[in-house]
Amino acid sequence: MQIIWHGQSFFEIAIKSTNNVETKIAIDPYGENIGLKLYKIAADILLISHQHSDHNNAKAIIGAPFLINSPGEYEVKDVFIRGIAGFHDSTEGKKSGEVIIYKLEIEGLKLCHLSDLGQKELTPEQLEQIGAVDILMIPVGGTFTIDAKQASQIVAQIEPRVVIPMHYKLPNLNVQIDGVDKFLKIMGAEKTMPEKKLKITPRLLPLEETKIIILEP
């Protein structure tokens, strides 16, 4: 499996079957209005977590992907996907509405994308639905989502093997949120070096402590 981050909450995940057929998954492509370079990619499956313009730009996806934009269970091209209802704020959605947390099971790996989560903690029901997680994609920038401290607490709730921070300040991004440094400091991972992409299999997962991986957009 290969994971590429394009900035904000936009991820591209590529897998290959035993007969060498590639399947691509896109999550939360953003629009041009946020200041970042717009990446147009081909995908077979498109996940949209909520209808804000920095997460729902389906036009950035080339082809005719299978679209998932509501809670529920899905199985597409040997990918099992569960959409779990969550909140964009700490007031049960009264200010910013709801989001969808996505849990994916692919190639023996369990991934979770927390969208623009604004809850200070996950509920027991959400944790039960999420279950075990190998790779967690979590917002850390604050203001519109959980901040660095809250993100660290949710990491402790989920206990993933790998954490990929997302939704934080980048050059040219015109959304006023924090950078990733605060989160890295809290997690004791200040010396983490960015990587262009993550190539991962079950046997490459860390065995003991949770590993933080910074991806370059």
C-alpha atoms as a PDB file:
ATOM      1  CA  MET A   1       0.000   0.000   0.000  1.00  0.00           C
ATOM      2  CA  GLN A   2       1.114   3.523  -0.768  1.00  0.00           C
ATOM      3  CA  ILE A   3      -0.252   6.609   1.007  1.00  0.00           C
ATOM      4  CA  ILE A   4       0.222  10.144  -0.351  1.00  0.00           C
ATOM      5  CA  TRP A   5      -0.970  13.310   1.392  1.00  0.00           C
ATOM      6  CA  HIS A   6      -1.877  16.319  -0.749  1.00  0.00           C
ATOM      7  CA  GLY A   7      -2.446  18.728   2.139  1.00  0.00           C
ATOM      8  CA  GLN A   8      -5.381  19.575   4.427  1.00  0.00           C
ATOM      9  CA  SER A   9      -7.297  16.239   4.746  1.00  0.00           C
ATOM     10  CA  PHE A  10      -6.787  15.085   1.150  1.00  0.00           C
ATOM     11  CA  PHE A  11      -5.212  11.642   0.877  1.00  0.00           C
ATOM     12  CA  GLU A  12      -4.525   9.314  -2.037  1.00  0.00           C
ATOM     13  CA  ILE A  13      -4.195   5.597  -1.245  1.00  0.00           C
ATOM     14  CA  ALA A  14      -3.041   3.091  -3.871  1.00  0.00           C
ATOM     15  CA  ILE A  15      -3.144  -0.681  -3.562  1.00  0.00           C
ATOM     16  CA  LYS A  16      -2.371  -3.516  -5.955  1.00  0.00           C
ATOM     17  CA  SER A  17      -4.158  -6.859  -6.095  1.00  0.00           C
ATOM     18  CA  THR A  18      -2.430 -10.206  -6.527  1.00  0.00           C
ATOM     19  CA  ASN A  19      -2.980  -9.968 -10.292  1.00  0.00           C
ATOM     20  CA  ASN A  20      -1.308  -6.507 -10.302  1.00  0.00           C
ATOM     21  CA  VAL A  21      -4.500  -4.487 -10.778  1.00  0.00           C
ATOM     22  CA  GLU A  22      -4.273  -1.116  -9.041  1.00  0.00           C
ATOM     23  CA  THR A  23      -7.094   0.407  -6.998  1.00  0.00           C
ATOM     24  CA  LYS A  24      -6.939   4.038  -5.896  1.00  0.00           C
ATOM     25  CA  ILE A  25      -8.870   5.684  -3.077  1.00  0.00           C
ATOM     26  CA  ALA A  26      -9.200   9.464  -2.660  1.00  0.00           C
ATOM     27  CA  ILE A  27     -10.328  11.071   0.593  1.00  0.00           C
ATOM     28  CA  ASP A  28     -11.539  14.671   1.038  1.00  0.00           C
ATOM     29  CA  PRO A  29     -10.131  16.515  -2.011  1.00  0.00           C
ATOM     30  CA  TYR A  30     -10.078  20.280  -1.467  1.00  0.00           C
ATOM     31  CA  GLY A  31     -11.030  23.167  -3.727  1.00  0.00           C
ATOM     32  CA  GLU A  32      -8.810  25.904  -5.131  1.00  0.00           C
ATOM     33  CA  ASN A  33     -10.065  28.487  -2.649  1.00  0.00           C
ATOM     34  CA  ILE A  34      -7.735  27.466   0.209  1.00  0.00           C
ATOM     35  CA  GLY A  35      -4.525  28.572  -1.485  1.00  0.00           C
ATOM     36  CA  LEU A  36      -2.876  25.181  -1.956  1.00  0.00           C
ATOM     37  CA  LYS A  37      -2.022  23.731  -5.342  1.00  0.00           C
ATOM     38  CA  LEU A  38      -4.980  21.709  -6.582  1.00  0.00           C
ATOM     39  CA  TYR A  39      -4.055  18.110  -7.373  1.00  0.00           C
ATOM     40  CA  LYS A  40      -6.276  16.257  -9.824  1.00  0.00           C
ATOM     41  CA  ILE A  41      -5.957  12.513  -9.475  1.00  0.00           C
ATOM     42  CA  ALA A  42      -7.676   9.423 -10.842  1.00  0.00           C
ATOM     43  CA  ALA A  43      -9.459   7.260  -8.301  1.00  0.00           C
ATOM     44  CA  ASP A  44     -11.772   4.252  -8.162  1.00  0.00           C
ATOM     45  CA  ILE A  45     -13.275   5.150  -4.782  1.00  0.00           C
ATOM     46  CA  LEU A  46     -13.956   8.647  -3.427  1.00  0.00           C
ATOM     47  CA  LEU A  47     -14.689   9.312   0.241  1.00  0.00           C
ATOM     48  CA  ILE A  48     -16.093  12.701   1.250  1.00  0.00           C
ATOM     49  CA  SER A  49     -16.459  13.305   4.964  1.00  0.00           C
ATOM     50  CA  HIS A  50     -18.584  16.473   4.893  1.00  0.00           C
ATOM     51  CA  GLN A  51     -19.769  19.224   2.601  1.00  0.00           C
ATOM     52  CA  HIS A  52     -17.234  21.974   3.268  1.00  0.00           C
ATOM     53  CA  SER A  53     -15.378  23.275   0.222  1.00  0.00           C
ATOM     54  CA  ASP A  54     -11.951  22.186   1.477  1.00  0.00           C
ATOM     55  CA  HIS A  55     -13.150  18.572   1.687  1.00  0.00           C
ATOM     56  CA  ASN A  56     -15.747  17.938  -1.023  1.00  0.00           C
ATOM     57  CA  ASN A  57     -14.179  18.852  -4.363  1.00  0.00           C
ATOM     58  CA  ALA A  58     -15.294  15.790  -6.325  1.00  0.00           C
ATOM     59  CA  LYS A  59     -14.321  17.581  -9.566  1.00  0.00           C
ATOM     60  CA  ALA A  60     -10.661  17.111  -8.617  1.00  0.00           C
ATOM     61  CA  ILE A  61     -11.074  13.364  -9.106  1.00  0.00           C
ATOM     62  CA  ILE A  62     -10.647  12.037 -12.628  1.00  0.00           C
ATOM     63  CA  GLY A  63     -12.876   9.197 -13.795  1.00  0.00           C
ATOM     64  CA  ALA A  64     -16.131   7.925 -12.324  1.00  0.00           C
ATOM     65  CA  PRO A  65     -15.230   6.816  -8.787  1.00  0.00           C
ATOM     66  CA  PHE A  66     -17.616   5.034  -6.459  1.00  0.00           C
ATOM     67  CA  LEU A  67     -18.708   7.867  -4.158  1.00  0.00           C
ATOM     68  CA  ILE A  68     -19.225   7.396  -0.419  1.00  0.00           C
ATOM     69  CA  ASN A  69     -20.446  10.411   1.533  1.00  0.00           C
ATOM     70  CA  SER A  70     -22.686   9.017   4.277  1.00  0.00           C
ATOM     71  CA  PRO A  71     -22.317   6.732   7.298  1.00  0.00           C
ATOM     72  CA  GLY A  72     -22.718   3.000   6.778  1.00  0.00           C
ATOM     73  CA  GLU A  73     -20.812  -0.080   5.674  1.00  0.00           C
ATOM     74  CA  TYR A  74     -19.517  -0.589   2.143  1.00  0.00           C
ATOM     75  CA  GLU A  75     -17.378  -3.092   0.273  1.00  0.00           C
ATOM     76  CA  VAL A  76     -15.890  -1.899  -3.007  1.00  0.00           C
ATOM     77  CA  LYS A  77     -13.077  -3.604  -4.953  1.00  0.00           C
ATOM     78  CA  ASP A  78     -12.038  -5.712  -1.934  1.00  0.00           C
ATOM     79  CA  VAL A  79     -11.906  -2.611   0.286  1.00  0.00           C
ATOM     80  CA  PHE A  80     -14.139  -2.669   3.375  1.00  0.00           C
ATOM     81  CA  ILE A  81     -15.223   0.822   4.446  1.00  0.00           C
ATOM     82  CA  ARG A  82     -17.193   1.907   7.482  1.00  0.00           C
ATOM     83  CA  GLY A  83     -18.493   5.467   7.787  1.00  0.00           C
ATOM     84  CA  ILE A  84     -19.046   6.554  11.391  1.00  0.00           C
ATOM     85  CA  ALA A  85     -20.928   9.699  12.397  1.00  0.00           C
ATOM     86  CA  GLY A  86     -18.899  12.334  14.251  1.00  0.00           C
ATOM     87  CA  PHE A  87     -19.031  16.038  15.065  1.00  0.00           C
ATOM     88  CA  HIS A  88     -17.135  18.975  13.596  1.00  0.00           C
ATOM     89  CA  ASP A  89     -17.171  20.792  16.943  1.00  0.00           C
ATOM     90  CA  SER A  90     -17.383  20.216  20.693  1.00  0.00           C
ATOM     91  CA  THR A  91     -21.102  21.085  20.833  1.00  0.00           C
ATOM     92  CA  GLU A  92     -22.434  17.956  19.086  1.00  0.00           C
ATOM     93  CA  GLY A  93     -22.509  19.710  15.737  1.00  0.00           C
ATOM     94  CA  LYS A  94     -24.506  22.755  16.812  1.00  0.00           C
ATOM     95  CA  LYS A  95     -21.858  25.158  15.425  1.00  0.00           C
ATOM     96  CA  SER A  96     -20.245  23.350  12.494  1.00  0.00           C
ATOM     97  CA  GLY A  97     -22.337  20.269  11.817  1.00  0.00           C
ATOM     98  CA  GLU A  98     -21.402  16.623  11.458  1.00  0.00           C
ATOM     99  CA  VAL A  99     -18.517  14.798   9.802  1.00  0.00           C
ATOM    100  CA  ILE A 100     -17.930  11.194   8.825  1.00  0.00           C
ATOM    101  CA  ILE A 101     -15.053   9.236  10.318  1.00  0.00           C
ATOM    102  CA  TYR A 102     -13.882   6.569   7.858  1.00  0.00           C
ATOM    103  CA  LYS A 103     -12.450   3.198   8.882  1.00  0.00           C
ATOM    104  CA  LEU A 104     -10.904   1.237   5.994  1.00  0.00           C
ATOM    105  CA  GLU A 105      -9.636  -2.327   5.917  1.00  0.00           C
ATOM    106  CA  ILE A 106      -7.254  -2.946   3.036  1.00  0.00           C
ATOM    107  CA  GLU A 107      -4.542  -5.555   2.431  1.00  0.00           C
ATOM    108  CA  GLY A 108      -4.555  -6.638   6.072  1.00  0.00           C
ATOM    109  CA  LEU A 109      -4.207  -3.030   7.287  1.00  0.00           C
ATOM    110  CA  LYS A 110      -6.748  -1.011   9.264  1.00  0.00           C
ATOM    111  CA  LEU A 111      -6.816   2.717   8.502  1.00  0.00           C
ATOM    112  CA  CYS A 112      -8.864   5.481  10.115  1.00  0.00           C
ATOM    113  CA  HIS A 113      -9.398   9.008   8.740  1.00  0.00           C
ATOM    114  CA  LEU A 114     -10.867  11.317  11.387  1.00  0.00           C
ATOM    115  CA  SER A 115     -12.010  14.069   9.003  1.00  0.00           C
ATOM    116  CA  ASP A 116     -12.485  17.518  10.600  1.00  0.00           C
ATOM    117  CA  LEU A 117     -13.140  16.037  14.002  1.00  0.00           C
ATOM    118  CA  GLY A 118     -13.926  18.696  16.598  1.00  0.00           C
ATOM    119  CA  GLN A 119     -14.904  16.463  19.511  1.00  0.00           C
ATOM    120  CA  LYS A 120     -12.599  16.697  22.528  1.00  0.00           C
ATOM    121  CA  GLU A 121     -12.823  12.928  22.843  1.00  0.00           C
ATOM    122  CA  LEU A 122     -14.420  10.024  21.042  1.00  0.00           C
ATOM    123  CA  THR A 123     -17.470   8.415  22.568  1.00  0.00           C
ATOM    124  CA  PRO A 124     -17.419   4.751  23.675  1.00  0.00           C
ATOM    125  CA  GLU A 125     -19.772   3.973  20.777  1.00  0.00           C
ATOM    126  CA  GLN A 126     -17.438   5.606  18.229  1.00  0.00           C
ATOM    127  CA  LEU A 127     -14.419   3.803  19.677  1.00  0.00           C
ATOM    128  CA  GLU A 128     -16.240   0.489  19.422  1.00  0.00           C
ATOM    129  CA  GLN A 129     -17.099   1.130  15.770  1.00  0.00           C
ATOM    130  CA  ILE A 130     -13.559   2.259  14.961  1.00  0.00           C
ATOM    131  CA  GLY A 131     -11.967  -0.728  16.679  1.00  0.00           C
ATOM    132  CA  ALA A 132      -8.292  -1.548  16.194  1.00  0.00           C
ATOM    133  CA  VAL A 133      -6.336   0.901  14.012  1.00  0.00           C
ATOM    134  CA  ASP A 134      -2.945   0.462  12.358  1.00  0.00           C
ATOM    135  CA  ILE A 135      -2.744   3.867  10.643  1.00  0.00           C
ATOM    136  CA  LEU A 136      -4.538   6.944  11.980  1.00  0.00           C
ATOM    137  CA  MET A 137      -4.951  10.178   9.988  1.00  0.00           C
ATOM    138  CA  ILE A 138      -5.788  12.887  12.512  1.00  0.00           C
ATOM    139  CA  PRO A 139      -6.305  16.688  12.351  1.00  0.00           C
ATOM    140  CA  VAL A 140      -4.015  18.659  14.670  1.00  0.00           C
ATOM    141  CA  GLY A 141      -4.319  22.322  13.600  1.00  0.00           C
ATOM    142  CA  GLY A 142      -7.082  23.495  15.927  1.00  0.00           C
ATOM    143  CA  THR A 143      -9.543  26.377  15.306  1.00  0.00           C
ATOM    144  CA  PHE A 144     -11.864  24.329  13.056  1.00  0.00           C
ATOM    145  CA  THR A 145     -10.860  20.916  14.429  1.00  0.00           C
ATOM    146  CA  ILE A 146      -9.243  19.423  17.503  1.00  0.00           C
ATOM    147  CA  ASP A 147      -5.917  21.009  18.418  1.00  0.00           C
ATOM    148  CA  ALA A 148      -2.571  19.383  19.142  1.00  0.00           C
ATOM    149  CA  LYS A 149      -3.321  18.534  22.783  1.00  0.00           C
ATOM    150  CA  GLN A 150      -6.760  17.143  22.020  1.00  0.00           C
ATOM    151  CA  ALA A 151      -5.318  15.155  19.111  1.00  0.00           C
ATOM    152  CA  SER A 152      -2.754  13.575  21.431  1.00  0.00           C
ATOM    153  CA  GLN A 153      -5.556  12.542  23.776  1.00  0.00           C
ATOM    154  CA  ILE A 154      -7.511  10.942  20.953  1.00  0.00           C
ATOM    155  CA  VAL A 155      -4.366   9.114  19.825  1.00  0.00           C
ATOM    156  CA  ALA A 156      -4.232   7.726  23.375  1.00  0.00           C
ATOM    157  CA  GLN A 157      -7.867   6.629  23.056  1.00  0.00           C
ATOM    158  CA  ILE A 158      -7.348   4.800  19.764  1.00  0.00           C
ATOM    159  CA  GLU A 159      -3.761   3.535  20.318  1.00  0.00           C
ATOM    160  CA  PRO A 160      -2.835   3.203  16.619  1.00  0.00           C
ATOM    161  CA  ARG A 161       0.482   1.799  15.404  1.00  0.00           C
ATOM    162  CA  VAL A 162       1.147   4.763  13.065  1.00  0.00           C
ATOM    163  CA  VAL A 163      -0.121   8.359  13.211  1.00  0.00           C
ATOM    164  CA  ILE A 164      -0.191  10.709  10.207  1.00  0.00           C
ATOM    165  CA  PRO A 165      -1.056  14.316  11.230  1.00  0.00           C
ATOM    166  CA  MET A 166      -3.203  16.319   8.804  1.00  0.00           C
ATOM    167  CA  HIS A 167      -5.199  19.552   8.603  1.00  0.00           C
ATOM    168  CA  TYR A 168      -2.432  21.865   9.837  1.00  0.00           C
ATOM    169  CA  LYS A 169      -0.802  25.059   8.560  1.00  0.00           C
ATOM    170  CA  LEU A 170       1.204  24.811   5.347  1.00  0.00           C
ATOM    171  CA  PRO A 171       2.883  27.475   3.181  1.00  0.00           C
ATOM    172  CA  ASN A 172       0.257  29.240   1.028  1.00  0.00           C
ATOM    173  CA  LEU A 173      -2.667  27.746   2.955  1.00  0.00           C
ATOM    174  CA  ASN A 174      -5.006  30.663   3.674  1.00  0.00           C
ATOM    175  CA  VAL A 175      -6.778  28.896   6.547  1.00  0.00           C
ATOM    176  CA  GLN A 176      -5.567  30.185   9.928  1.00  0.00           C
ATOM    177  CA  ILE A 177      -4.683  27.056  11.886  1.00  0.00           C
ATOM    178  CA  ASP A 178      -1.634  25.876  13.826  1.00  0.00           C
ATOM    179  CA  GLY A 179       1.334  24.117  12.307  1.00  0.00           C
ATOM    180  CA  VAL A 180       2.307  20.548  13.131  1.00  0.00           C
ATOM    181  CA  ASP A 181       5.120  21.472  15.550  1.00  0.00           C
ATOM    182  CA  LYS A 182       2.892  21.674  18.640  1.00  0.00           C
ATOM    183  CA  PHE A 183       1.604  18.163  18.054  1.00  0.00           C
ATOM    184  CA  LEU A 184       5.089  16.776  17.468  1.00  0.00           C
ATOM    185  CA  LYS A 185       6.321  18.363  20.698  1.00  0.00           C
ATOM    186  CA  ILE A 186       3.480  16.903  22.749  1.00  0.00           C
ATOM    187  CA  MET A 187       4.088  13.490  21.200  1.00  0.00           C
ATOM    188  CA  GLY A 188       7.860  13.714  21.781  1.00  0.00           C
ATOM    189  CA  ALA A 189       8.505  13.451  18.042  1.00  0.00           C
ATOM    190  CA  GLU A 190      10.154  16.809  17.233  1.00  0.00           C
ATOM    191  CA  LYS A 191      12.931  15.160  15.207  1.00  0.00           C
ATOM    192  CA  THR A 192      10.537  13.407  12.813  1.00  0.00           C
ATOM    193  CA  MET A 193      11.693  13.923   9.218  1.00  0.00           C
ATOM    194  CA  PRO A 194       9.057  14.416   6.497  1.00  0.00           C
ATOM    195  CA  GLU A 195       8.567  11.752   3.842  1.00  0.00           C
ATOM    196  CA  LYS A 196       7.139  12.098   0.320  1.00  0.00           C
ATOM    197  CA  LYS A 197       4.928   9.036   0.646  1.00  0.00           C
ATOM    198  CA  LEU A 198       4.375   6.093   2.930  1.00  0.00           C
ATOM    199  CA  LYS A 199       4.812   2.587   1.579  1.00  0.00           C
ATOM    200  CA  ILE A 200       3.520   0.161   4.164  1.00  0.00           C
ATOM    201  CA  THR A 201       2.589  -3.497   4.651  1.00  0.00           C
ATOM    202  CA  PRO A 202       1.468  -5.280   7.820  1.00  0.00           C
ATOM    203  CA  ARG A 203       4.982  -6.587   8.485  1.00  0.00           C
ATOM    204  CA  LEU A 204       6.424  -3.036   8.354  1.00  0.00           C
ATOM    205  CA  LEU A 205       4.211  -1.741  11.153  1.00  0.00           C
ATOM    206  CA  PRO A 206       6.039  -0.734  14.347  1.00  0.00           C
ATOM    207  CA  LEU A 207       5.786  -3.405  17.019  1.00  0.00           C
ATOM    208  CA  GLU A 208       5.871  -1.316  20.197  1.00  0.00           C
ATOM    209  CA  GLU A 209       5.525   2.479  20.460  1.00  0.00           C
ATOM    210  CA  THR A 210       3.229   4.467  18.189  1.00  0.00           C
ATOM    211  CA  LYS A 211       5.199   5.980  15.303  1.00  0.00           C
ATOM    212  CA  ILE A 212       4.520   9.506  13.984  1.00  0.00           C
ATOM    213  CA  ILE A 213       4.979   9.948  10.241  1.00  0.00           C
ATOM    214  CA  ILE A 214       4.981  13.389   8.600  1.00  0.00           C
ATOM    215  CA  LEU A 215       4.088  13.387   4.915  1.00  0.00           C
ATOM    216  CA  GLU A 216       5.040  16.202   2.567  1.00  0.00           C
ATOM    217  CA  PRO A 217       2.180  17.420   0.363  1.00  0.00           C
END
